[in-house]
Amino acid sequence: GAEGFEALIEVVRSIPSDIPVILDCKRGDIDTTAQAYAIAAYDVFSADAVTLNPYMGWDSIKPFLTGKYEGKGVFVLCKTSNP
C-alpha cells in the first residue's frame, strides 16, 4: 500500500547517486497501463532500470524504452523457471 511505496521512495533516496537503482518489478501490461508503470518506476521511484515481462508484446515494454525514458535501463525476462 501507500506506506510501502513511501518506504521504497525513502530507501531509493538513501542510495548514493553513483549506484544505479534497479527496480525488480517485472512489469508487462497493455500500453496505457505500461505508460503509467513507467512513470511510477522512473519518475516516482527514481529507478535507473527496471525488469520487464514482454509476454504481451512491444506495446507492453515500449513506454520503458522510448521518449523521455530512452536512456534508462531495462532487463527483459527471457525465460522463467516455471514449467
N, C-alpha and C. Protein backbone atom coordinates (compact mmCIF):
# COMPACT_ATOMS: atom_id res chain seq x y z
N GLY A 1 0.80 -1.18 0.00
CA GLY A 1 0.00 0.00 0.00
C GLY A 1 0.86 1.26 0.00
N ALA A 2 0.23 2.34 0.35
CA ALA A 2 0.89 3.65 0.32
C ALA A 2 2.12 3.70 1.22
N GLU A 3 2.04 3.07 2.38
CA GLU A 3 3.19 3.08 3.29
C GLU A 3 4.39 2.36 2.68
N GLY A 4 4.13 1.28 1.96
CA GLY A 4 5.20 0.56 1.28
C GLY A 4 5.84 1.39 0.18
N PHE A 5 5.00 2.12 -0.57
CA PHE A 5 5.53 2.99 -1.61
C PHE A 5 6.42 4.08 -1.01
N GLU A 6 5.96 4.66 0.07
CA GLU A 6 6.74 5.70 0.73
C GLU A 6 8.07 5.14 1.25
N ALA A 7 8.03 3.93 1.78
CA ALA A 7 9.25 3.29 2.27
C ALA A 7 10.23 3.05 1.12
N LEU A 8 9.72 2.59 -0.02
CA LEU A 8 10.58 2.35 -1.18
C LEU A 8 11.22 3.66 -1.65
N ILE A 9 10.44 4.72 -1.69
CA ILE A 9 10.98 6.02 -2.11
C ILE A 9 12.10 6.44 -1.17
N GLU A 10 11.91 6.27 0.12
CA GLU A 10 12.95 6.63 1.10
C GLU A 10 14.20 5.77 0.94
N VAL A 11 14.02 4.48 0.70
CA VAL A 11 15.18 3.59 0.50
C VAL A 11 15.98 4.04 -0.72
N VAL A 12 15.27 4.31 -1.82
CA VAL A 12 15.96 4.74 -3.04
C VAL A 12 16.68 6.06 -2.81
N ARG A 13 16.08 6.97 -2.10
CA ARG A 13 16.72 8.26 -1.80
C ARG A 13 18.01 8.09 -0.99
N SER A 14 18.07 7.04 -0.20
CA SER A 14 19.25 6.81 0.64
C SER A 14 20.42 6.19 -0.11
N ILE A 15 20.19 5.74 -1.33
CA ILE A 15 21.25 5.10 -2.13
C ILE A 15 22.09 6.19 -2.79
N PRO A 16 23.41 6.11 -2.66
CA PRO A 16 24.27 7.12 -3.29
C PRO A 16 24.00 7.23 -4.80
N SER A 17 24.11 8.43 -5.32
CA SER A 17 23.74 8.69 -6.72
C SER A 17 24.62 7.95 -7.73
N ASP A 18 25.80 7.49 -7.32
CA ASP A 18 26.67 6.77 -8.25
C ASP A 18 26.35 5.27 -8.30
N ILE A 19 25.36 4.83 -7.54
CA ILE A 19 24.93 3.43 -7.56
C ILE A 19 23.59 3.34 -8.29
N PRO A 20 23.54 2.60 -9.40
CA PRO A 20 22.27 2.51 -10.13
C PRO A 20 21.21 1.72 -9.34
N VAL A 21 19.98 2.16 -9.46
CA VAL A 21 18.85 1.52 -8.80
C VAL A 21 18.08 0.71 -9.83
N ILE A 22 18.00 -0.61 -9.60
CA ILE A 22 17.23 -1.50 -10.47
C ILE A 22 15.96 -1.89 -9.74
N LEU A 23 14.83 -1.51 -10.28
CA LEU A 23 13.54 -1.83 -9.69
C LEU A 23 13.07 -3.15 -10.28
N ASP A 24 13.09 -4.20 -9.47
CA ASP A 24 12.70 -5.54 -9.93
C ASP A 24 11.19 -5.66 -9.84
N CYS A 25 10.51 -5.11 -10.86
CA CYS A 25 9.05 -5.04 -10.83
C CYS A 25 8.39 -5.95 -11.86
N LYS A 26 9.16 -6.50 -12.79
CA LYS A 26 8.65 -7.42 -13.81
C LYS A 26 7.34 -6.95 -14.44
N ARG A 27 7.32 -5.71 -14.87
CA ARG A 27 6.12 -5.13 -15.47
C ARG A 27 5.93 -5.61 -16.90
N GLY A 28 4.69 -5.67 -17.33
CA GLY A 28 4.33 -6.05 -18.69
C GLY A 28 2.82 -6.02 -18.80
N ASP A 29 2.28 -4.97 -19.37
CA ASP A 29 0.83 -4.79 -19.40
C ASP A 29 0.44 -4.05 -20.68
N ILE A 30 -0.84 -3.80 -20.86
CA ILE A 30 -1.30 -3.07 -22.05
C ILE A 30 -0.65 -1.69 -22.06
N ASP A 31 -0.61 -1.09 -23.24
CA ASP A 31 0.18 0.13 -23.43
C ASP A 31 -0.14 1.27 -22.47
N THR A 32 -1.40 1.55 -22.21
CA THR A 32 -1.72 2.67 -21.33
C THR A 32 -1.31 2.38 -19.88
N THR A 33 -1.48 1.16 -19.45
CA THR A 33 -1.05 0.78 -18.11
C THR A 33 0.46 0.76 -18.02
N ALA A 34 1.12 0.28 -19.08
CA ALA A 34 2.58 0.26 -19.11
C ALA A 34 3.13 1.69 -19.02
N GLN A 35 2.47 2.64 -19.65
CA GLN A 35 2.90 4.04 -19.55
C GLN A 35 2.84 4.52 -18.10
N ALA A 36 1.77 4.18 -17.41
CA ALA A 36 1.64 4.57 -16.00
C ALA A 36 2.71 3.89 -15.15
N TYR A 37 2.99 2.64 -15.43
CA TYR A 37 4.04 1.92 -14.69
C TYR A 37 5.42 2.54 -14.94
N ALA A 38 5.67 2.96 -16.16
CA ALA A 38 6.96 3.59 -16.48
C ALA A 38 7.11 4.91 -15.72
N ILE A 39 6.05 5.69 -15.68
CA ILE A 39 6.08 6.95 -14.93
C ILE A 39 6.36 6.66 -13.45
N ALA A 40 5.69 5.67 -12.91
CA ALA A 40 5.89 5.33 -11.50
C ALA A 40 7.33 4.87 -11.25
N ALA A 41 7.82 3.97 -12.09
CA ALA A 41 9.16 3.42 -11.88
C ALA A 41 10.24 4.49 -11.98
N TYR A 42 10.17 5.30 -13.01
CA TYR A 42 11.25 6.25 -13.27
C TYR A 42 11.06 7.62 -12.61
N ASP A 43 9.84 8.12 -12.56
CA ASP A 43 9.61 9.46 -12.02
C ASP A 43 9.28 9.43 -10.52
N VAL A 44 8.47 8.48 -10.09
CA VAL A 44 8.08 8.43 -8.69
C VAL A 44 9.14 7.72 -7.85
N PHE A 45 9.58 6.53 -8.30
CA PHE A 45 10.54 5.74 -7.53
C PHE A 45 11.99 6.02 -7.91
N SER A 46 12.21 6.82 -8.94
CA SER A 46 13.56 7.23 -9.36
C SER A 46 14.48 6.07 -9.72
N ALA A 47 13.93 5.03 -10.32
CA ALA A 47 14.74 3.89 -10.74
C ALA A 47 15.58 4.26 -11.96
N ASP A 48 16.74 3.63 -12.06
CA ASP A 48 17.59 3.78 -13.24
C ASP A 48 17.30 2.70 -14.26
N ALA A 49 16.75 1.58 -13.79
CA ALA A 49 16.44 0.45 -14.66
C ALA A 49 15.30 -0.35 -14.03
N VAL A 50 14.62 -1.14 -14.86
CA VAL A 50 13.53 -1.99 -14.39
C VAL A 50 13.63 -3.37 -15.03
N THR A 51 12.92 -4.32 -14.44
CA THR A 51 12.77 -5.63 -15.08
C THR A 51 11.40 -5.64 -15.75
N LEU A 52 11.35 -6.24 -16.94
CA LEU A 52 10.11 -6.25 -17.72
C LEU A 52 9.78 -7.64 -18.23
N ASN A 53 8.48 -7.90 -18.37
CA ASN A 53 7.98 -9.14 -18.96
C ASN A 53 7.37 -8.77 -20.32
N PRO A 54 7.97 -9.23 -21.42
CA PRO A 54 7.50 -8.84 -22.75
C PRO A 54 6.38 -9.71 -23.31
N TYR A 55 5.77 -10.53 -22.49
CA TYR A 55 4.77 -11.50 -22.96
C TYR A 55 3.68 -10.87 -23.82
N MET A 56 3.26 -9.66 -23.50
CA MET A 56 2.18 -9.02 -24.25
C MET A 56 2.67 -8.22 -25.46
N GLY A 57 3.95 -8.33 -25.78
CA GLY A 57 4.47 -7.69 -26.97
C GLY A 57 5.12 -6.34 -26.74
N TRP A 58 5.50 -5.73 -27.86
CA TRP A 58 6.25 -4.47 -27.85
C TRP A 58 5.52 -3.38 -27.08
N ASP A 59 4.21 -3.29 -27.23
CA ASP A 59 3.45 -2.24 -26.54
C ASP A 59 3.62 -2.30 -25.03
N SER A 60 3.88 -3.48 -24.50
CA SER A 60 3.99 -3.63 -23.05
C SER A 60 5.34 -3.16 -22.49
N ILE A 61 6.34 -3.03 -23.35
CA ILE A 61 7.64 -2.57 -22.87
C ILE A 61 8.09 -1.24 -23.49
N LYS A 62 7.44 -0.85 -24.57
CA LYS A 62 7.80 0.38 -25.27
C LYS A 62 7.87 1.62 -24.38
N PRO A 63 6.91 1.85 -23.48
CA PRO A 63 6.98 3.06 -22.65
C PRO A 63 8.23 3.15 -21.78
N PHE A 64 8.84 2.02 -21.47
CA PHE A 64 10.03 2.00 -20.64
C PHE A 64 11.31 2.27 -21.43
N LEU A 65 11.21 2.24 -22.75
CA LEU A 65 12.38 2.31 -23.62
C LEU A 65 12.43 3.51 -24.56
N THR A 66 11.35 4.24 -24.65
CA THR A 66 11.28 5.31 -25.65
C THR A 66 10.95 6.65 -24.99
N GLY A 67 10.99 7.70 -25.79
CA GLY A 67 10.67 9.03 -25.30
C GLY A 67 11.63 9.48 -24.23
N LYS A 68 11.11 10.06 -23.18
CA LYS A 68 11.98 10.62 -22.14
C LYS A 68 12.71 9.55 -21.34
N TYR A 69 12.33 8.27 -21.52
CA TYR A 69 13.00 7.17 -20.81
C TYR A 69 13.99 6.41 -21.68
N GLU A 70 14.30 6.95 -22.84
CA GLU A 70 15.18 6.26 -23.79
C GLU A 70 16.53 5.90 -23.19
N GLY A 71 17.05 6.68 -22.28
CA GLY A 71 18.35 6.41 -21.69
C GLY A 71 18.32 5.51 -20.47
N LYS A 72 17.14 5.07 -20.06
CA LYS A 72 17.01 4.22 -18.89
C LYS A 72 17.34 2.77 -19.25
N GLY A 73 17.61 1.97 -18.23
CA GLY A 73 17.96 0.57 -18.45
C GLY A 73 16.77 -0.35 -18.27
N VAL A 74 16.79 -1.47 -18.97
CA VAL A 74 15.78 -2.50 -18.80
C VAL A 74 16.43 -3.87 -18.84
N PHE A 75 15.88 -4.76 -18.06
CA PHE A 75 16.25 -6.17 -18.11
C PHE A 75 14.98 -6.89 -18.52
N VAL A 76 15.01 -7.55 -19.67
CA VAL A 76 13.81 -8.19 -20.22
C VAL A 76 13.83 -9.67 -19.89
N LEU A 77 12.74 -10.14 -19.28
CA LEU A 77 12.56 -11.52 -18.93
C LEU A 77 12.57 -12.37 -20.21
N CYS A 78 13.43 -13.36 -20.27
CA CYS A 78 13.51 -14.21 -21.46
C CYS A 78 13.04 -15.63 -21.20
N LYS A 79 13.32 -16.13 -20.02
CA LYS A 79 12.93 -17.50 -19.68
C LYS A 79 12.66 -17.56 -18.19
N THR A 80 11.59 -18.25 -17.83
CA THR A 80 11.27 -18.39 -16.41
C THR A 80 11.55 -19.81 -15.94
N SER A 81 11.53 -19.98 -14.67
CA SER A 81 11.74 -21.32 -14.11
C SER A 81 10.43 -22.09 -14.02
N ASN A 82 9.33 -21.44 -14.39
CA ASN A 82 8.03 -22.11 -14.36
C ASN A 82 7.97 -23.17 -15.46
N PRO A 83 7.42 -24.35 -15.14
CA PRO A 83 7.32 -25.40 -16.19
C PRO A 83 6.33 -25.04 -17.27
